[in-house]
Amino acid sequence: MNLQFQKFQVIQQIINIQDLNLIHKINQLINQESVTAISPMSLNEFYDRILASEKAHQEGKITSHQDLKEEIKLWKSNL
């Protein structure tokens, strides 16, 4: 049995699930697996991110802590 066929079978089983809690558990499992599959960044990538962040700060492309808290309140009120 090849990988594509196994994926197809899993998708068919998921489509037929009627239990929302089980769907949430499957989603959590998938998300957990994708997080653990992330590889560490290299030192060069790390330095590049620092430089990009410093440039964004100099250009004013930042959000203050207070502004972010206000934005989150808006998100919560729209739920």
N, C-alpha and C. Protein backbone atom coordinates (compact mmCIF):
# COMPACT_ATOMS: atom_id res chain seq x y z
N MET A 1 0.84 -1.17 0.00
CA MET A 1 0.00 0.00 0.00
C MET A 1 0.89 1.24 0.00
N ASN A 2 0.68 2.14 -0.96
CA ASN A 2 1.53 3.31 -1.05
C ASN A 2 1.01 4.46 -0.18
N LEU A 3 1.82 5.47 -0.04
CA LEU A 3 1.52 6.60 0.83
C LEU A 3 0.26 7.35 0.37
N GLN A 4 0.14 7.59 -0.92
CA GLN A 4 -1.01 8.33 -1.44
C GLN A 4 -2.32 7.61 -1.14
N PHE A 5 -2.32 6.29 -1.27
CA PHE A 5 -3.53 5.51 -0.99
C PHE A 5 -3.86 5.57 0.49
N GLN A 6 -2.86 5.50 1.35
CA GLN A 6 -3.11 5.58 2.79
C GLN A 6 -3.65 6.96 3.17
N LYS A 7 -3.11 8.01 2.57
CA LYS A 7 -3.62 9.35 2.82
C LYS A 7 -5.09 9.44 2.43
N PHE A 8 -5.41 8.90 1.27
CA PHE A 8 -6.78 8.93 0.78
C PHE A 8 -7.71 8.21 1.76
N GLN A 9 -7.29 7.08 2.28
CA GLN A 9 -8.11 6.34 3.23
C GLN A 9 -8.34 7.15 4.51
N VAL A 10 -7.30 7.79 5.00
CA VAL A 10 -7.42 8.61 6.21
C VAL A 10 -8.38 9.77 5.96
N ILE A 11 -8.25 10.42 4.82
CA ILE A 11 -9.15 11.53 4.48
C ILE A 11 -10.60 11.07 4.44
N GLN A 12 -10.84 9.92 3.85
CA GLN A 12 -12.21 9.39 3.80
C GLN A 12 -12.74 9.14 5.21
N GLN A 13 -11.93 8.60 6.08
CA GLN A 13 -12.37 8.35 7.45
C GLN A 13 -12.67 9.66 8.17
N ILE A 14 -11.82 10.66 7.98
CA ILE A 14 -12.03 11.95 8.64
C ILE A 14 -13.32 12.60 8.14
N ILE A 15 -13.59 12.51 6.87
CA ILE A 15 -14.81 13.09 6.30
C ILE A 15 -16.05 12.49 6.97
N ASN A 16 -16.00 11.24 7.31
CA ASN A 16 -17.16 10.57 7.89
C ASN A 16 -17.31 10.77 9.40
N ILE A 17 -16.36 11.41 10.06
CA ILE A 17 -16.43 11.62 11.51
C ILE A 17 -17.49 12.67 11.81
N GLN A 18 -18.35 12.36 12.78
CA GLN A 18 -19.41 13.28 13.20
C GLN A 18 -19.14 13.89 14.57
N ASP A 19 -18.09 13.43 15.25
CA ASP A 19 -17.77 13.87 16.60
C ASP A 19 -16.80 15.06 16.54
N LEU A 20 -17.30 16.25 16.94
CA LEU A 20 -16.49 17.46 16.87
C LEU A 20 -15.25 17.36 17.77
N ASN A 21 -15.38 16.74 18.93
CA ASN A 21 -14.22 16.59 19.82
C ASN A 21 -13.12 15.76 19.17
N LEU A 22 -13.50 14.73 18.46
CA LEU A 22 -12.52 13.89 17.77
C LEU A 22 -11.83 14.69 16.66
N ILE A 23 -12.58 15.52 15.95
CA ILE A 23 -11.99 16.37 14.92
C ILE A 23 -10.97 17.31 15.54
N HIS A 24 -11.30 17.90 16.70
CA HIS A 24 -10.35 18.78 17.39
C HIS A 24 -9.09 18.03 17.79
N LYS A 25 -9.24 16.82 18.27
CA LYS A 25 -8.08 16.01 18.67
C LYS A 25 -7.19 15.70 17.46
N ILE A 26 -7.81 15.37 16.35
CA ILE A 26 -7.04 15.09 15.14
C ILE A 26 -6.30 16.35 14.70
N ASN A 27 -6.97 17.48 14.74
CA ASN A 27 -6.35 18.75 14.37
C ASN A 27 -5.17 19.07 15.28
N GLN A 28 -5.33 18.85 16.58
CA GLN A 28 -4.24 19.08 17.53
C GLN A 28 -3.06 18.17 17.23
N LEU A 29 -3.33 16.93 16.92
CA LEU A 29 -2.27 15.98 16.59
C LEU A 29 -1.51 16.41 15.35
N ILE A 30 -2.24 16.84 14.35
CA ILE A 30 -1.60 17.30 13.11
C ILE A 30 -0.75 18.53 13.38
N ASN A 31 -1.29 19.48 14.14
CA ASN A 31 -0.54 20.69 14.46
C ASN A 31 0.69 20.38 15.30
N GLN A 32 0.56 19.47 16.24
CA GLN A 32 1.68 19.08 17.09
C GLN A 32 2.78 18.45 16.25
N GLU A 33 2.42 17.62 15.31
CA GLU A 33 3.41 16.98 14.45
C GLU A 33 4.12 18.00 13.57
N SER A 34 3.37 19.00 13.08
CA SER A 34 4.02 19.99 12.21
C SER A 34 4.97 20.87 13.02
N VAL A 35 4.66 21.12 14.28
CA VAL A 35 5.55 21.92 15.13
C VAL A 35 6.83 21.15 15.42
N THR A 36 6.73 19.87 15.68
CA THR A 36 7.93 19.09 15.98
C THR A 36 8.78 18.85 14.75
N ALA A 37 8.19 19.03 13.56
CA ALA A 37 8.95 18.81 12.32
C ALA A 37 9.78 20.02 11.93
N ILE A 38 9.60 21.13 12.64
CA ILE A 38 10.35 22.34 12.32
C ILE A 38 11.80 22.15 12.73
N SER A 39 12.69 22.48 11.84
CA SER A 39 14.11 22.32 12.15
C SER A 39 14.66 23.64 12.70
N PRO A 40 15.68 23.57 13.53
CA PRO A 40 16.27 24.78 14.08
C PRO A 40 16.89 25.64 12.98
N MET A 41 16.88 26.95 13.20
CA MET A 41 17.46 27.84 12.19
C MET A 41 18.97 27.90 12.37
N SER A 42 19.62 28.23 11.30
CA SER A 42 21.07 28.38 11.34
C SER A 42 21.42 29.71 12.00
N LEU A 43 22.68 29.87 12.35
CA LEU A 43 23.14 31.11 12.95
C LEU A 43 22.97 32.27 11.97
N ASN A 44 23.22 32.03 10.69
CA ASN A 44 23.03 33.07 9.68
C ASN A 44 21.56 33.50 9.59
N GLU A 45 20.64 32.53 9.62
CA GLU A 45 19.22 32.85 9.59
C GLU A 45 18.83 33.67 10.83
N PHE A 46 19.38 33.31 11.96
CA PHE A 46 19.13 34.03 13.20
C PHE A 46 19.57 35.49 13.08
N TYR A 47 20.78 35.70 12.59
CA TYR A 47 21.28 37.07 12.41
C TYR A 47 20.46 37.84 11.38
N ASP A 48 20.04 37.16 10.31
CA ASP A 48 19.20 37.81 9.30
C ASP A 48 17.88 38.27 9.90
N ARG A 49 17.32 37.47 10.78
CA ARG A 49 16.06 37.86 11.44
C ARG A 49 16.28 39.07 12.34
N ILE A 50 17.39 39.08 13.03
CA ILE A 50 17.70 40.24 13.89
C ILE A 50 17.81 41.50 13.04
N LEU A 51 18.54 41.42 11.94
CA LEU A 51 18.69 42.58 11.07
C LEU A 51 17.35 43.04 10.49
N ALA A 52 16.52 42.09 10.09
CA ALA A 52 15.21 42.43 9.54
C ALA A 52 14.34 43.08 10.61
N SER A 53 14.42 42.60 11.82
CA SER A 53 13.64 43.18 12.92
C SER A 53 14.11 44.59 13.24
N GLU A 54 15.41 44.79 13.26
CA GLU A 54 15.94 46.13 13.52
C GLU A 54 15.53 47.10 12.41
N LYS A 55 15.54 46.64 11.17
CA LYS A 55 15.14 47.48 10.04
C LYS A 55 13.65 47.84 10.15
N ALA A 56 12.82 46.86 10.49
CA ALA A 56 11.39 47.10 10.65
C ALA A 56 11.14 48.12 11.76
N HIS A 57 11.90 48.02 12.84
CA HIS A 57 11.77 48.97 13.95
C HIS A 57 12.15 50.38 13.51
N GLN A 58 13.24 50.50 12.78
CA GLN A 58 13.69 51.81 12.29
C GLN A 58 12.68 52.42 11.34
N GLU A 59 11.98 51.59 10.57
CA GLU A 59 11.00 52.08 9.60
C GLU A 59 9.62 52.27 10.24
N GLY A 60 9.52 51.99 11.54
CA GLY A 60 8.25 52.17 12.23
C GLY A 60 7.22 51.10 11.94
N LYS A 61 7.66 49.98 11.42
CA LYS A 61 6.76 48.87 11.10
C LYS A 61 6.62 47.94 12.29
N ILE A 62 6.17 48.51 13.40
CA ILE A 62 6.02 47.74 14.63
C ILE A 62 4.65 48.03 15.24
N THR A 63 4.24 47.17 16.14
CA THR A 63 3.01 47.35 16.90
C THR A 63 3.38 47.40 18.36
N SER A 64 2.90 48.43 19.04
CA SER A 64 3.21 48.54 20.46
C SER A 64 2.43 47.49 21.25
N HIS A 65 2.90 47.24 22.44
CA HIS A 65 2.25 46.28 23.32
C HIS A 65 0.80 46.70 23.58
N GLN A 66 0.60 47.97 23.86
CA GLN A 66 -0.74 48.48 24.15
C GLN A 66 -1.65 48.35 22.93
N ASP A 67 -1.14 48.68 21.74
CA ASP A 67 -1.94 48.55 20.52
C ASP A 67 -2.33 47.10 20.27
N LEU A 68 -1.40 46.20 20.54
CA LEU A 68 -1.69 44.78 20.35
C LEU A 68 -2.77 44.31 21.32
N LYS A 69 -2.70 44.77 22.56
CA LYS A 69 -3.72 44.40 23.55
C LYS A 69 -5.10 44.89 23.11
N GLU A 70 -5.17 46.09 22.56
CA GLU A 70 -6.44 46.62 22.07
C GLU A 70 -6.94 45.81 20.87
N GLU A 71 -6.03 45.42 20.00
CA GLU A 71 -6.41 44.62 18.83
C GLU A 71 -6.95 43.26 19.28
N ILE A 72 -6.35 42.67 20.27
CA ILE A 72 -6.80 41.37 20.78
C ILE A 72 -8.19 41.50 21.37
N LYS A 73 -8.46 42.61 22.06
CA LYS A 73 -9.81 42.84 22.62
C LYS A 73 -10.84 42.85 21.49
N LEU A 74 -10.47 43.46 20.36
CA LEU A 74 -11.39 43.49 19.21
C LEU A 74 -11.63 42.08 18.67
N TRP A 75 -10.56 41.28 18.61
CA TRP A 75 -10.71 39.90 18.14
C TRP A 75 -11.69 39.15 19.03
N LYS A 76 -11.49 39.30 20.34
CA LYS A 76 -12.34 38.57 21.30
C LYS A 76 -13.79 39.02 21.22
N SER A 77 -14.01 40.30 20.98
CA SER A 77 -15.39 40.80 20.91
C SER A 77 -16.09 40.33 19.63
N ASN A 78 -15.32 39.93 18.63
CA ASN A 78 -15.91 39.47 17.38
C ASN A 78 -16.18 37.96 17.35
N LEU A 79 -15.86 37.27 18.43
CA LEU A 79 -16.08 35.81 18.45
C LEU A 79 -17.51 35.45 18.58
